[in-house]
Amino acid sequence: MLDWARTVESGRPLEIRFVVAGTTSDATHDAAIAVREHFLRSAGEHTQKIKDIFRYARVTSVVGLLVLVLLLATAQAIPDDAGRLAAAMRESLTIFAWVAMWKPADLWLYAHWPERYWRRQARRLAEARISVIPATAANADAGA
């Protein structure tokens, strides 16, 4: 249903219809509660994943900054006139130092967006109008 919800225009309300063999008057109410609880739980899981991404981003940022400082300090300790091999080593350390910040930057800037998107879809489905239709009525509608 999440994949289906993403195909529906974002401002348009969603409606979920269940076709069942037999139904009671409480079926619509029970189905609505179950669907809402399911998608609210799903939205909560995506919220938790977003929190986990930012927790991981904080940890990787600390590690990345430590590596950055250590490698840049080591690179700066190599004198400019040390020769070609030492100059290559200095440049390699500088590049590696900045690459150490790649994952933290990715987490802070981009990793959480897919989770936000799916959380929004789950919330839309939780707010959808729910209806339960007896199979005989659905067959009559299909034939008309």
C-alpha atoms as a PDB file:
ATOM      1  CA  MET A   1       0.000   0.000   0.000  1.00  0.00           C
ATOM      2  CA  LEU A   2       2.913   2.345   0.624  1.00  0.00           C
ATOM      3  CA  ASP A   3       3.959   1.992  -3.013  1.00  0.00           C
ATOM      4  CA  TRP A   4       0.393   2.622  -4.123  1.00  0.00           C
ATOM      5  CA  ALA A   5       0.082   5.717  -1.910  1.00  0.00           C
ATOM      6  CA  ARG A   6       3.107   7.312  -3.535  1.00  0.00           C
ATOM      7  CA  THR A   7       1.400   7.157  -6.935  1.00  0.00           C
ATOM      8  CA  VAL A   8      -1.554   9.227  -5.685  1.00  0.00           C
ATOM      9  CA  GLU A   9      -1.193  12.999  -5.840  1.00  0.00           C
ATOM     10  CA  SER A  10       0.033  14.286  -2.455  1.00  0.00           C
ATOM     11  CA  GLY A  11      -2.849  16.713  -1.825  1.00  0.00           C
ATOM     12  CA  ARG A  12      -5.497  14.156  -2.702  1.00  0.00           C
ATOM     13  CA  PRO A  13      -7.118  12.211   0.175  1.00  0.00           C
ATOM     14  CA  LEU A  14      -6.699   8.442   0.127  1.00  0.00           C
ATOM     15  CA  GLU A  15      -9.447   5.852   0.385  1.00  0.00           C
ATOM     16  CA  ILE A  16      -8.923   2.180   1.156  1.00  0.00           C
ATOM     17  CA  ARG A  17     -11.692  -0.284   0.343  1.00  0.00           C
ATOM     18  CA  PHE A  18     -11.836  -3.832   1.628  1.00  0.00           C
ATOM     19  CA  VAL A  19     -14.070  -6.341  -0.147  1.00  0.00           C
ATOM     20  CA  VAL A  20     -15.053  -9.184   2.180  1.00  0.00           C
ATOM     21  CA  ALA A  21     -17.206 -12.299   1.871  1.00  0.00           C
ATOM     22  CA  GLY A  22     -19.486 -11.366   4.749  1.00  0.00           C
ATOM     23  CA  THR A  23     -19.571  -8.266   6.855  1.00  0.00           C
ATOM     24  CA  THR A  24     -20.999  -6.906  10.040  1.00  0.00           C
ATOM     25  CA  SER A  25     -21.703  -3.320  10.952  1.00  0.00           C
ATOM     26  CA  ASP A  26     -18.561  -3.307  13.121  1.00  0.00           C
ATOM     27  CA  ALA A  27     -16.306  -4.499  10.279  1.00  0.00           C
ATOM     28  CA  THR A  28     -15.689  -1.020   8.876  1.00  0.00           C
ATOM     29  CA  HIS A  29     -14.872   0.371  12.304  1.00  0.00           C
ATOM     30  CA  ASP A  30     -12.558  -2.553  13.167  1.00  0.00           C
ATOM     31  CA  ALA A  31     -10.809  -2.376   9.782  1.00  0.00           C
ATOM     32  CA  ALA A  32     -10.297   1.367  10.109  1.00  0.00           C
ATOM     33  CA  ILE A  33      -8.756   0.994  13.553  1.00  0.00           C
ATOM     34  CA  ALA A  34      -6.455  -1.846  12.421  1.00  0.00           C
ATOM     35  CA  VAL A  35      -5.280   0.009   9.314  1.00  0.00           C
ATOM     36  CA  ARG A  36      -4.680   3.254  11.192  1.00  0.00           C
ATOM     37  CA  GLU A  37      -2.753   1.490  13.951  1.00  0.00           C
ATOM     38  CA  HIS A  38      -0.655  -0.398  11.405  1.00  0.00           C
ATOM     39  CA  PHE A  39       0.346   2.711   9.451  1.00  0.00           C
ATOM     40  CA  LEU A  40       0.864   4.831  12.559  1.00  0.00           C
ATOM     41  CA  ARG A  41       3.187   2.097  13.832  1.00  0.00           C
ATOM     42  CA  SER A  42       4.966   2.128  10.460  1.00  0.00           C
ATOM     43  CA  ALA A  43       5.335   5.934  10.646  1.00  0.00           C
ATOM     44  CA  GLY A  44       6.764   5.531  14.151  1.00  0.00           C
ATOM     45  CA  GLU A  45       9.306   3.025  12.850  1.00  0.00           C
ATOM     46  CA  HIS A  46      10.428   5.512  10.209  1.00  0.00           C
ATOM     47  CA  THR A  47      10.695   8.221  12.886  1.00  0.00           C
ATOM     48  CA  GLN A  48      12.919   5.872  14.909  1.00  0.00           C
ATOM     49  CA  LYS A  49      15.080   5.204  11.847  1.00  0.00           C
ATOM     50  CA  ILE A  50      15.512   8.963  11.381  1.00  0.00           C
ATOM     51  CA  LYS A  51      16.620   9.281  15.010  1.00  0.00           C
ATOM     52  CA  ASP A  52      19.025   6.370  14.526  1.00  0.00           C
ATOM     53  CA  ILE A  53      20.501   7.998  11.413  1.00  0.00           C
ATOM     54  CA  PHE A  54      21.190  11.219  13.324  1.00  0.00           C
ATOM     55  CA  ARG A  55      22.630   9.308  16.298  1.00  0.00           C
ATOM     56  CA  TYR A  56      24.948   7.481  13.905  1.00  0.00           C
ATOM     57  CA  ALA A  57      25.767  10.811  12.211  1.00  0.00           C
ATOM     58  CA  ARG A  58      26.881  12.273  15.547  1.00  0.00           C
ATOM     59  CA  VAL A  59      29.170   9.309  16.248  1.00  0.00           C
ATOM     60  CA  THR A  60      30.666   9.258  12.756  1.00  0.00           C
ATOM     61  CA  SER A  61      31.159  13.026  12.889  1.00  0.00           C
ATOM     62  CA  VAL A  62      33.242  12.750  16.052  1.00  0.00           C
ATOM     63  CA  VAL A  63      35.310   9.908  14.606  1.00  0.00           C
ATOM     64  CA  GLY A  64      35.638  11.692  11.259  1.00  0.00           C
ATOM     65  CA  LEU A  65      36.747  14.951  12.878  1.00  0.00           C
ATOM     66  CA  LEU A  66      39.354  13.133  14.985  1.00  0.00           C
ATOM     67  CA  VAL A  67      40.712  11.384  11.893  1.00  0.00           C
ATOM     68  CA  LEU A  68      40.623  14.665   9.970  1.00  0.00           C
ATOM     69  CA  VAL A  69      42.602  16.546  12.619  1.00  0.00           C
ATOM     70  CA  LEU A  70      45.107  13.720  13.074  1.00  0.00           C
ATOM     71  CA  LEU A  71      45.767  13.244   9.356  1.00  0.00           C
ATOM     72  CA  LEU A  72      45.902  16.965   8.540  1.00  0.00           C
ATOM     73  CA  ALA A  73      48.332  17.536  11.425  1.00  0.00           C
ATOM     74  CA  THR A  74      50.481  14.664  10.146  1.00  0.00           C
ATOM     75  CA  ALA A  75      50.343  16.057   6.595  1.00  0.00           C
ATOM     76  CA  GLN A  76      51.332  19.538   7.814  1.00  0.00           C
ATOM     77  CA  ALA A  77      54.298  18.044   9.686  1.00  0.00           C
ATOM     78  CA  ILE A  78      55.845  16.972   6.381  1.00  0.00           C
ATOM     79  CA  PRO A  79      58.050  19.834   5.178  1.00  0.00           C
ATOM     80  CA  ASP A  80      57.477  21.363   1.739  1.00  0.00           C
ATOM     81  CA  ASP A  81      61.044  20.615   0.616  1.00  0.00           C
ATOM     82  CA  ALA A  82      61.020  16.949   1.745  1.00  0.00           C
ATOM     83  CA  GLY A  83      61.008  15.563  -1.776  1.00  0.00           C
ATOM     84  CA  ARG A  84      58.526  14.065  -4.205  1.00  0.00           C
ATOM     85  CA  LEU A  85      57.644  10.968  -2.209  1.00  0.00           C
ATOM     86  CA  ALA A  86      57.006  12.991   0.943  1.00  0.00           C
ATOM     87  CA  ALA A  87      54.932  15.539  -1.029  1.00  0.00           C
ATOM     88  CA  ALA A  88      52.837  12.682  -2.465  1.00  0.00           C
ATOM     89  CA  MET A  89      52.393  11.310   1.046  1.00  0.00           C
ATOM     90  CA  ARG A  90      51.299  14.745   2.315  1.00  0.00           C
ATOM     91  CA  GLU A  91      48.704  15.074  -0.459  1.00  0.00           C
ATOM     92  CA  SER A  92      47.459  11.524   0.145  1.00  0.00           C
ATOM     93  CA  LEU A  93      47.020  12.212   3.850  1.00  0.00           C
ATOM     94  CA  THR A  94      45.112  15.420   3.080  1.00  0.00           C
ATOM     95  CA  ILE A  95      42.771  13.642   0.667  1.00  0.00           C
ATOM     96  CA  PHE A  96      42.217  10.737   3.056  1.00  0.00           C
ATOM     97  CA  ALA A  97      41.512  13.211   5.876  1.00  0.00           C
ATOM     98  CA  TRP A  98      38.673  14.809   3.925  1.00  0.00           C
ATOM     99  CA  VAL A  99      37.336  11.443   2.739  1.00  0.00           C
ATOM    100  CA  ALA A 100      36.959  10.531   6.431  1.00  0.00           C
ATOM    101  CA  MET A 101      34.228  13.185   6.587  1.00  0.00           C
ATOM    102  CA  TRP A 102      32.303  11.747   3.605  1.00  0.00           C
ATOM    103  CA  LYS A 103      30.011   9.423   5.563  1.00  0.00           C
ATOM    104  CA  PRO A 104      29.115  11.963   8.273  1.00  0.00           C
ATOM    105  CA  ALA A 105      28.263  14.506   5.569  1.00  0.00           C
ATOM    106  CA  ASP A 106      26.125  11.949   3.744  1.00  0.00           C
ATOM    107  CA  LEU A 107      24.248  11.085   6.941  1.00  0.00           C
ATOM    108  CA  TRP A 108      23.611  14.711   7.931  1.00  0.00           C
ATOM    109  CA  LEU A 109      22.624  15.845   4.449  1.00  0.00           C
ATOM    110  CA  TYR A 110      20.932  12.967   2.641  1.00  0.00           C
ATOM    111  CA  ALA A 111      20.399   9.651   4.459  1.00  0.00           C
ATOM    112  CA  HIS A 112      17.296  10.714   6.379  1.00  0.00           C
ATOM    113  CA  TRP A 113      15.267  11.941   3.376  1.00  0.00           C
ATOM    114  CA  PRO A 114      14.009   8.540   2.188  1.00  0.00           C
ATOM    115  CA  GLU A 115      12.811   7.737   5.730  1.00  0.00           C
ATOM    116  CA  ARG A 116      11.004  11.076   5.911  1.00  0.00           C
ATOM    117  CA  TYR A 117       9.331  10.338   2.583  1.00  0.00           C
ATOM    118  CA  TRP A 118       8.094   6.879   3.650  1.00  0.00           C
ATOM    119  CA  ARG A 119       6.978   8.243   7.030  1.00  0.00           C
ATOM    120  CA  ARG A 120       4.870  10.846   5.213  1.00  0.00           C
ATOM    121  CA  GLN A 121       3.303   8.104   3.051  1.00  0.00           C
ATOM    122  CA  ALA A 122       2.525   5.970   6.116  1.00  0.00           C
ATOM    123  CA  ARG A 123       0.879   8.961   7.813  1.00  0.00           C
ATOM    124  CA  ARG A 124      -1.227   9.601   4.694  1.00  0.00           C
ATOM    125  CA  LEU A 125      -2.390   5.986   4.740  1.00  0.00           C
ATOM    126  CA  ALA A 126      -3.175   6.225   8.461  1.00  0.00           C
ATOM    127  CA  GLU A 127      -5.473   9.148   7.651  1.00  0.00           C
ATOM    128  CA  ALA A 128      -7.144   7.384   4.696  1.00  0.00           C
ATOM    129  CA  ARG A 129     -10.890   6.836   4.618  1.00  0.00           C
ATOM    130  CA  ILE A 130     -11.574   3.123   5.212  1.00  0.00           C
ATOM    131  CA  SER A 131     -14.612   1.252   3.890  1.00  0.00           C
ATOM    132  CA  VAL A 132     -15.601  -2.409   3.978  1.00  0.00           C
ATOM    133  CA  ILE A 133     -17.815  -3.606   1.152  1.00  0.00           C
ATOM    134  CA  PRO A 134     -19.573  -6.997   1.050  1.00  0.00           C
ATOM    135  CA  ALA A 135     -18.373  -9.123  -1.887  1.00  0.00           C
ATOM    136  CA  THR A 136     -21.916  -9.303  -3.326  1.00  0.00           C
ATOM    137  CA  ALA A 137     -22.129  -5.488  -3.477  1.00  0.00           C
ATOM    138  CA  ALA A 138     -18.655  -5.272  -5.051  1.00  0.00           C
ATOM    139  CA  ASN A 139     -19.638  -7.838  -7.698  1.00  0.00           C
ATOM    140  CA  ALA A 140     -22.804  -5.878  -8.457  1.00  0.00           C
ATOM    141  CA  ASP A 141     -20.766  -2.664  -8.819  1.00  0.00           C
ATOM    142  CA  ALA A 142     -18.309  -4.415 -11.152  1.00  0.00           C
ATOM    143  CA  GLY A 143     -21.119  -5.700 -13.365  1.00  0.00           C
ATOM    144  CA  ALA A 144     -22.807  -2.303 -13.692  1.00  0.00           C
END
